[in-house]
PDB file of N, CA and C in Angstrom:
ATOM      1  N   MET A   1      26.334 -17.512 -10.115  1.00  0.00           N
ATOM      2  CA  MET A   1      26.242 -16.671  -8.959  1.00  0.00           C
ATOM      3  C   MET A   1      24.946 -16.961  -8.183  1.00  0.00           C
ATOM      4  N   ILE A   2      25.052 -16.882  -6.895  1.00  0.00           N
ATOM      5  CA  ILE A   2      23.892 -17.126  -6.042  1.00  0.00           C
ATOM      6  C   ILE A   2      23.170 -15.800  -5.822  1.00  0.00           C
ATOM      7  N   THR A   3      21.850 -15.845  -6.024  1.00  0.00           N
ATOM      8  CA  THR A   3      21.068 -14.643  -5.793  1.00  0.00           C
ATOM      9  C   THR A   3      20.474 -14.669  -4.383  1.00  0.00           C
ATOM     10  N   LYS A   4      20.294 -13.487  -3.830  1.00  0.00           N
ATOM     11  CA  LYS A   4      19.713 -13.336  -2.520  1.00  0.00           C
ATOM     12  C   LYS A   4      18.574 -12.354  -2.611  1.00  0.00           C
ATOM     13  N   ILE A   5      17.774 -12.293  -1.572  1.00  0.00           N
ATOM     14  CA  ILE A   5      16.636 -11.396  -1.563  1.00  0.00           C
ATOM     15  C   ILE A   5      16.951 -10.266  -0.590  1.00  0.00           C
ATOM     16  N   TYR A   6      16.718  -9.038  -1.039  1.00  0.00           N
ATOM     17  CA  TYR A   6      17.012  -7.866  -0.227  1.00  0.00           C
ATOM     18  C   TYR A   6      15.767  -7.021  -0.052  1.00  0.00           C
ATOM     19  N   ARG A   7      15.639  -6.415   1.113  1.00  0.00           N
ATOM     20  CA  ARG A   7      14.572  -5.427   1.378  1.00  0.00           C
ATOM     21  C   ARG A   7      15.274  -4.058   1.530  1.00  0.00           C
ATOM     22  N   VAL A   8      14.760  -3.089   0.780  1.00  0.00           N
ATOM     23  CA  VAL A   8      15.343  -1.762   0.758  1.00  0.00           C
ATOM     24  C   VAL A   8      14.321  -0.766   1.303  1.00  0.00           C
ATOM     25  N   LYS A   9      14.763   0.063   2.243  1.00  0.00           N
ATOM     26  CA  LYS A   9      13.912   1.106   2.808  1.00  0.00           C
ATOM     27  C   LYS A   9      14.588   2.455   2.617  1.00  0.00           C
ATOM     28  N   GLY A  10      13.758   3.462   2.334  1.00  0.00           N
ATOM     29  CA  GLY A  10      14.316   4.806   2.159  1.00  0.00           C
ATOM     30  C   GLY A  10      13.209   5.808   1.861  1.00  0.00           C
ATOM     31  N   THR A  11      13.659   6.957   1.335  1.00  0.00           N
ATOM     32  CA  THR A  11      12.744   8.032   0.978  1.00  0.00           C
ATOM     33  C   THR A  11      13.145   8.604  -0.373  1.00  0.00           C
ATOM     34  N   PHE A  12      12.191   9.258  -1.021  1.00  0.00           N
ATOM     35  CA  PHE A  12      12.474   9.978  -2.245  1.00  0.00           C
ATOM     36  C   PHE A  12      11.654  11.260  -2.278  1.00  0.00           C
ATOM     37  N   VAL A  13      12.135  12.220  -3.046  1.00  0.00           N
ATOM     38  CA  VAL A  13      11.495  13.537  -3.124  1.00  0.00           C
ATOM     39  C   VAL A  13      10.742  13.629  -4.440  1.00  0.00           C
ATOM     40  N   MET A  14       9.452  13.990  -4.332  1.00  0.00           N
ATOM     41  CA  MET A  14       8.658  14.330  -5.523  1.00  0.00           C
ATOM     42  C   MET A  14       7.987  15.652  -5.243  1.00  0.00           C
ATOM     43  N   GLY A  15       8.347  16.637  -6.006  1.00  0.00           N
ATOM     44  CA  GLY A  15       7.825  17.980  -5.762  1.00  0.00           C
ATOM     45  C   GLY A  15       8.400  18.521  -4.462  1.00  0.00           C
ATOM     46  N   ASP A  16       7.522  18.883  -3.559  1.00  0.00           N
ATOM     47  CA  ASP A  16       7.973  19.412  -2.251  1.00  0.00           C
ATOM     48  C   ASP A  16       7.804  18.389  -1.128  1.00  0.00           C
ATOM     49  N   GLU A  17       7.431  17.164  -1.458  1.00  0.00           N
ATOM     50  CA  GLU A  17       7.140  16.164  -0.436  1.00  0.00           C
ATOM     51  C   GLU A  17       8.131  15.003  -0.452  1.00  0.00           C
ATOM     52  N   TYR A  18       8.405  14.485   0.736  1.00  0.00           N
ATOM     53  CA  TYR A  18       9.191  13.277   0.896  1.00  0.00           C
ATOM     54  C   TYR A  18       8.244  12.076   1.006  1.00  0.00           C
ATOM     55  N   HIS A  19       8.558  11.016   0.319  1.00  0.00           N
ATOM     56  CA  HIS A  19       7.745   9.792   0.345  1.00  0.00           C
ATOM     57  C   HIS A  19       8.611   8.647   0.797  1.00  0.00           C
ATOM     58  N   LYS A  20       8.109   7.818   1.716  1.00  0.00           N
ATOM     59  CA  LYS A  20       8.823   6.639   2.152  1.00  0.00           C
ATOM     60  C   LYS A  20       8.567   5.496   1.202  1.00  0.00           C
ATOM     61  N   PHE A  21       9.531   4.592   1.089  1.00  0.00           N
ATOM     62  CA  PHE A  21       9.333   3.385   0.274  1.00  0.00           C
ATOM     63  C   PHE A  21       9.995   2.201   0.928  1.00  0.00           C
ATOM     64  N   THR A  22       9.445   1.020   0.632  1.00  0.00           N
ATOM     65  CA  THR A  22      10.041  -0.266   0.979  1.00  0.00           C
ATOM     66  C   THR A  22       9.868  -1.166  -0.247  1.00  0.00           C
ATOM     67  N   LYS A  23      10.991  -1.657  -0.757  1.00  0.00           N
ATOM     68  CA  LYS A  23      10.973  -2.511  -1.940  1.00  0.00           C
ATOM     69  C   LYS A  23      11.773  -3.775  -1.648  1.00  0.00           C
ATOM     70  N   GLU A  24      11.404  -4.843  -2.346  1.00  0.00           N
ATOM     71  CA  GLU A  24      12.138  -6.098  -2.232  1.00  0.00           C
ATOM     72  C   GLU A  24      12.600  -6.505  -3.626  1.00  0.00           C
ATOM     73  N   TYR A  25      13.862  -6.920  -3.711  1.00  0.00           N
ATOM     74  CA  TYR A  25      14.455  -7.333  -4.985  1.00  0.00           C
ATOM     75  C   TYR A  25      15.302  -8.578  -4.803  1.00  0.00           C
ATOM     76  N   LYS A  26      15.413  -9.331  -5.856  1.00  0.00           N
ATOM     77  CA  LYS A  26      16.309 -10.481  -5.902  1.00  0.00           C
ATOM     78  C   LYS A  26      17.533 -10.058  -6.684  1.00  0.00           C
ATOM     79  N   ALA A  27      18.722 -10.202  -6.089  1.00  0.00           N
ATOM     80  CA  ALA A  27      19.950  -9.744  -6.729  1.00  0.00           C
ATOM     81  C   ALA A  27      21.134 -10.512  -6.184  1.00  0.00           C
ATOM     82  N   THR A  28      22.289 -10.327  -6.789  1.00  0.00           N
ATOM     83  CA  THR A  28      23.498 -11.024  -6.363  1.00  0.00           C
ATOM     84  C   THR A  28      24.236 -10.306  -5.240  1.00  0.00           C
ATOM     85  N   CYS A  29      24.074  -8.971  -5.150  1.00  0.00           N
ATOM     86  CA  CYS A  29      24.772  -8.226  -4.095  1.00  0.00           C
ATOM     87  C   CYS A  29      24.007  -6.924  -3.824  1.00  0.00           C
ATOM     88  N   GLU A  30      24.398  -6.252  -2.734  1.00  0.00           N
ATOM     89  CA  GLU A  30      23.730  -5.023  -2.349  1.00  0.00           C
ATOM     90  C   GLU A  30      23.932  -3.914  -3.387  1.00  0.00           C
ATOM     91  N   ASP A  31      25.092  -3.875  -4.014  1.00  0.00           N
ATOM     92  CA  ASP A  31      25.340  -2.846  -5.042  1.00  0.00           C
ATOM     93  C   ASP A  31      24.372  -2.957  -6.203  1.00  0.00           C
ATOM     94  N   ASP A  32      24.048  -4.187  -6.612  1.00  0.00           N
ATOM     95  CA  ASP A  32      23.072  -4.393  -7.689  1.00  0.00           C
ATOM     96  C   ASP A  32      21.691  -3.890  -7.280  1.00  0.00           C
ATOM     97  N   VAL A  33      21.315  -4.133  -6.046  1.00  0.00           N
ATOM     98  CA  VAL A  33      20.019  -3.682  -5.554  1.00  0.00           C
ATOM     99  C   VAL A  33      19.965  -2.144  -5.544  1.00  0.00           C
ATOM    100  N   GLU A  34      21.033  -1.529  -5.090  1.00  0.00           N
ATOM    101  CA  GLU A  34      21.095  -0.061  -5.063  1.00  0.00           C
ATOM    102  C   GLU A  34      20.924   0.514  -6.447  1.00  0.00           C
ATOM    103  N   GLN A  35      21.580  -0.077  -7.438  1.00  0.00           N
ATOM    104  CA  GLN A  35      21.466   0.417  -8.804  1.00  0.00           C
ATOM    105  C   GLN A  35      20.041   0.201  -9.365  1.00  0.00           C
ATOM    106  N   LYS A  36      19.412  -0.933  -8.993  1.00  0.00           N
ATOM    107  CA  LYS A  36      18.029  -1.183  -9.421  1.00  0.00           C
ATOM    108  C   LYS A  36      17.074  -0.116  -8.873  1.00  0.00           C
ATOM    109  N   ILE A  37      17.293   0.262  -7.621  1.00  0.00           N
ATOM    110  CA  ILE A  37      16.443   1.293  -7.015  1.00  0.00           C
ATOM    111  C   ILE A  37      16.575   2.593  -7.789  1.00  0.00           C
ATOM    112  N   TYR A  38      17.806   3.032  -8.044  1.00  0.00           N
ATOM    113  CA  TYR A  38      18.037   4.270  -8.785  1.00  0.00           C
ATOM    114  C   TYR A  38      17.453   4.192 -10.195  1.00  0.00           C
ATOM    115  N   GLN A  39      17.617   3.069 -10.868  1.00  0.00           N
ATOM    116  CA  GLN A  39      17.103   2.919 -12.216  1.00  0.00           C
ATOM    117  C   GLN A  39      15.589   2.965 -12.264  1.00  0.00           C
ATOM    118  N   ARG A  40      14.938   2.187 -11.400  1.00  0.00           N
ATOM    119  CA  ARG A  40      13.481   2.069 -11.467  1.00  0.00           C
ATOM    120  C   ARG A  40      12.768   3.332 -10.982  1.00  0.00           C
ATOM    121  N   PHE A  41      13.284   3.943  -9.922  1.00  0.00           N
ATOM    122  CA  PHE A  41      12.656   5.203  -9.459  1.00  0.00           C
ATOM    123  C   PHE A  41      12.890   6.305 -10.480  1.00  0.00           C
ATOM    124  N   GLY A  42      14.064   6.379 -11.065  1.00  0.00           N
ATOM    125  CA  GLY A  42      14.335   7.370 -12.084  1.00  0.00           C
ATOM    126  C   GLY A  42      13.447   7.200 -13.283  1.00  0.00           C
ATOM    127  N   SER A  43      13.244   5.954 -13.713  1.00  0.00           N
ATOM    128  CA  SER A  43      12.428   5.656 -14.854  1.00  0.00           C
ATOM    129  C   SER A  43      10.948   5.910 -14.562  1.00  0.00           C
ATOM    130  N   LYS A  44      10.472   5.423 -13.436  1.00  0.00           N
ATOM    131  CA  LYS A  44       9.026   5.512 -13.123  1.00  0.00           C
ATOM    132  C   LYS A  44       8.597   6.905 -12.715  1.00  0.00           C
ATOM    133  N   HIS A  45       9.424   7.573 -11.901  1.00  0.00           N
ATOM    134  CA  HIS A  45       9.021   8.880 -11.329  1.00  0.00           C
ATOM    135  C   HIS A  45       9.748  10.062 -11.954  1.00  0.00           C
ATOM    136  N   GLY A  46      10.763   9.794 -12.796  1.00  0.00           N
ATOM    137  CA  GLY A  46      11.488  10.892 -13.428  1.00  0.00           C
ATOM    138  C   GLY A  46      12.295  11.713 -12.459  1.00  0.00           C
ATOM    139  N   ILE A  47      12.894  11.064 -11.468  1.00  0.00           N
ATOM    140  CA  ILE A  47      13.686  11.780 -10.464  1.00  0.00           C
ATOM    141  C   ILE A  47      15.151  11.395 -10.591  1.00  0.00           C
ATOM    142  N   ASN A  48      16.016  12.248 -10.062  1.00  0.00           N
ATOM    143  CA  ASN A  48      17.472  12.013 -10.130  1.00  0.00           C
ATOM    144  C   ASN A  48      17.923  11.205  -8.918  1.00  0.00           C
ATOM    145  N   ARG A  49      19.124  10.656  -9.021  1.00  0.00           N
ATOM    146  CA  ARG A  49      19.689   9.851  -7.917  1.00  0.00           C
ATOM    147  C   ARG A  49      19.799  10.653  -6.629  1.00  0.00           C
ATOM    148  N   ASN A  50      20.093  11.934  -6.717  1.00  0.00           N
ATOM    149  CA  ASN A  50      20.247  12.734  -5.505  1.00  0.00           C
ATOM    150  C   ASN A  50      18.923  13.019  -4.799  1.00  0.00           C
ATOM    151  N   GLN A  51      17.801  12.638  -5.427  1.00  0.00           N
ATOM    152  CA  GLN A  51      16.493  12.808  -4.810  1.00  0.00           C
ATOM    153  C   GLN A  51      16.028  11.522  -4.118  1.00  0.00           C
ATOM    154  N   ILE A  52      16.863  10.475  -4.176  1.00  0.00           N
ATOM    155  CA  ILE A  52      16.560   9.192  -3.552  1.00  0.00           C
ATOM    156  C   ILE A  52      17.533   8.974  -2.396  1.00  0.00           C
ATOM    157  N   SER A  53      16.993   8.651  -1.224  1.00  0.00           N
ATOM    158  CA  SER A  53      17.821   8.404  -0.070  1.00  0.00           C
ATOM    159  C   SER A  53      17.554   6.983   0.405  1.00  0.00           C
ATOM    160  N   ILE A  54      18.513   6.101   0.254  1.00  0.00           N
ATOM    161  CA  ILE A  54      18.397   4.727   0.718  1.00  0.00           C
ATOM    162  C   ILE A  54      18.873   4.672   2.172  1.00  0.00           C
ATOM    163  N   LYS A  55      17.970   4.291   3.069  1.00  0.00           N
ATOM    164  CA  LYS A  55      18.272   4.272   4.500  1.00  0.00           C
ATOM    165  C   LYS A  55      18.837   2.900   4.919  1.00  0.00           C
ATOM    166  N   GLU A  56      18.313   1.825   4.313  1.00  0.00           N
ATOM    167  CA  GLU A  56      18.666   0.496   4.793  1.00  0.00           C
ATOM    168  C   GLU A  56      18.516  -0.517   3.662  1.00  0.00           C
ATOM    169  N   ILE A  57      19.524  -1.409   3.542  1.00  0.00           N
ATOM    170  CA  ILE A  57      19.432  -2.545   2.630  1.00  0.00           C
ATOM    171  C   ILE A  57      19.746  -3.779   3.493  1.00  0.00           C
ATOM    172  N   GLU A  58      18.777  -4.686   3.583  1.00  0.00           N
ATOM    173  CA  GLU A  58      19.002  -5.873   4.404  1.00  0.00           C
ATOM    174  C   GLU A  58      18.661  -7.135   3.641  1.00  0.00           C
ATOM    175  N   GLU A  59      19.440  -8.166   3.840  1.00  0.00           N
ATOM    176  CA  GLU A  59      19.162  -9.446   3.237  1.00  0.00           C
ATOM    177  C   GLU A  59      18.079 -10.127   4.060  1.00  0.00           C
ATOM    178  N   ILE A  60      17.096 -10.729   3.384  1.00  0.00           N
ATOM    179  CA  ILE A  60      15.992 -11.368   4.100  1.00  0.00           C
ATOM    180  C   ILE A  60      15.843 -12.802   3.622  1.00  0.00           C
ATOM    181  N   ALA A  61      15.231 -13.601   4.446  1.00  0.00           N
ATOM    182  CA  ALA A  61      14.968 -15.015   4.130  1.00  0.00           C
ATOM    183  C   ALA A  61      13.761 -15.091   3.187  1.00  0.00           C
ATOM    184  N   PRO A  62      13.700 -16.145   2.367  1.00  0.00           N
ATOM    185  CA  PRO A  62      12.560 -16.307   1.436  1.00  0.00           C
ATOM    186  C   PRO A  62      11.204 -16.309   2.139  1.00  0.00           C
ATOM    187  N   GLU A  63      11.130 -16.842   3.343  1.00  0.00           N
ATOM    188  CA  GLU A  63       9.830 -16.852   4.063  1.00  0.00           C
ATOM    189  C   GLU A  63       9.437 -15.489   4.573  1.00  0.00           C
ATOM    190  N   ASP A  64      10.347 -14.515   4.597  1.00  0.00           N
ATOM    191  CA  ASP A  64      10.034 -13.162   5.067  1.00  0.00           C
ATOM    192  C   ASP A  64       9.598 -12.203   3.955  1.00  0.00           C
ATOM    193  N   VAL A  65       9.563 -12.695   2.725  1.00  0.00           N
ATOM    194  CA  VAL A  65       9.212 -11.856   1.583  1.00  0.00           C
ATOM    195  C   VAL A  65       7.739 -11.466   1.645  1.00  0.00           C
ATOM    196  N   LEU A  66       7.459 -10.169   1.463  1.00  0.00           N
ATOM    197  CA  LEU A  66       6.087  -9.661   1.459  1.00  0.00           C
ATOM    198  C   LEU A  66       5.589  -9.364   0.059  1.00  0.00           C
ATOM    199  N   ASP A  67       6.471  -9.017  -0.851  1.00  0.00           N
ATOM    200  CA  ASP A  67       6.104  -8.632  -2.226  1.00  0.00           C
ATOM    201  C   ASP A  67       5.627  -9.871  -2.988  1.00  0.00           C
ATOM    202  N   PRO A  68       4.362  -9.845  -3.497  1.00  0.00           N
ATOM    203  CA  PRO A  68       3.841 -11.013  -4.199  1.00  0.00           C
ATOM    204  C   PRO A  68       4.607 -11.358  -5.472  1.00  0.00           C
ATOM    205  N   ILE A  69       5.161 -10.375  -6.152  1.00  0.00           N
ATOM    206  CA  ILE A  69       5.937 -10.632  -7.379  1.00  0.00           C
ATOM    207  C   ILE A  69       7.233 -11.342  -7.062  1.00  0.00           C
ATOM    208  N   VAL A  70       7.911 -10.913  -6.021  1.00  0.00           N
ATOM    209  CA  VAL A  70       9.148 -11.595  -5.617  1.00  0.00           C
ATOM    210  C   VAL A  70       8.845 -13.006  -5.119  1.00  0.00           C
ATOM    211  N   LYS A  71       7.731 -13.176  -4.384  1.00  0.00           N
ATOM    212  CA  LYS A  71       7.338 -14.494  -3.926  1.00  0.00           C
ATOM    213  C   LYS A  71       7.130 -15.449  -5.104  1.00  0.00           C
ATOM    214  N   GLU A  72       6.558 -14.926  -6.158  1.00  0.00           N
ATOM    215  CA  GLU A  72       6.232 -15.744  -7.360  1.00  0.00           C
ATOM    216  C   GLU A  72       7.495 -16.287  -8.027  1.00  0.00           C
ATOM    217  N   ILE A  73       8.593 -15.518  -8.014  1.00  0.00           N
ATOM    218  CA  ILE A  73       9.800 -15.948  -8.707  1.00  0.00           C
ATOM    219  C   ILE A  73      10.700 -16.834  -7.835  1.00  0.00           C
ATOM    220  N   LEU A  74      10.331 -17.055  -6.586  1.00  0.00           N
ATOM    221  CA  LEU A  74      11.156 -17.913  -5.715  1.00  0.00           C
ATOM    222  C   LEU A  74      10.915 -19.380  -5.986  1.00  0.00           C
TER     223      LEU A  74
END
């Protein structure tokens, strides 16, 4: 399978506050990226899926990657 790079933008709730996020992941499809977001935010912040709102998932070119970890694995 061919992997692509995706940029995900959205918000999540912690306590009484909304926080914006932008993450980049390498995955085979948008559904995989969505599941990674839910898994990692749930694990790291202890929040439920209904507290995460994904606003946008877009495929990006390798030269548009900003995340240094994703750049390293390209």
